[in-house]
Each structure stands twice: as C-alpha cells, then as structure tokens.
Protein backbone atom coordinates (compact mmCIF):
# COMPACT_ATOMS: atom_id res chain seq x y z
CA MET A 1 75.43 95.40 59.03
CA ARG A 2 73.52 95.61 55.82
CA LEU A 3 72.69 91.55 56.51
CA ILE A 4 71.04 92.38 59.78
CA ALA A 5 68.79 95.13 58.13
CA VAL A 6 68.00 92.92 55.04
CA MET A 7 66.78 90.37 57.54
CA GLN A 8 65.24 92.99 59.94
CA ILE A 9 63.09 94.01 57.12
CA ASP A 10 62.02 90.59 55.91
CA LEU A 11 60.74 89.96 59.57
CA VAL A 12 58.91 93.06 59.21
CA THR A 13 57.26 92.24 55.74
CA HIS A 14 56.76 88.55 57.00
CA LEU A 15 54.84 89.96 60.05
CA ILE A 16 52.46 92.38 58.14
CA GLU A 17 51.84 89.43 56.03
CA MET A 18 50.61 87.01 58.91
CA LEU A 19 48.72 90.19 60.31
CA LEU A 20 46.51 90.60 56.89
CA VAL A 21 45.89 86.42 57.07
CA ILE A 22 44.64 86.60 60.44
CA ASP A 23 42.49 90.14 58.88
CA ARG A 24 41.43 88.21 55.89
CA SER A 25 39.81 84.85 58.21
CA ARG A 26 38.31 87.49 60.36
CA VAL A 27 36.64 89.00 57.36
CA TRP A 28 36.03 85.41 56.38
CA ALA A 29 34.43 84.53 59.82
CA LYS A 30 32.12 87.26 59.87
CA LYS A 31 30.71 86.27 56.24
CA SER A 32 29.99 83.22 56.97
C-alpha cells in the first residue's frame, strides 16, 4: 500500500512540474 501511495505522490509531483513548464513556456511566448 505504501508503494502505491509513493507512486501516486510521484505522479502528482510530475504533473505539477509539467504544468509549471507549460506555464513558463507561455510566459516566454508572451515576452517574445
């Protein structure tokens, strides 16, 4: 059960990182 919880947390953090990267690319697109 713990392993599943760790995997879920890993997935969530990965999704948040992806969203942050998309956010940054949008900001860069606006600047240029």
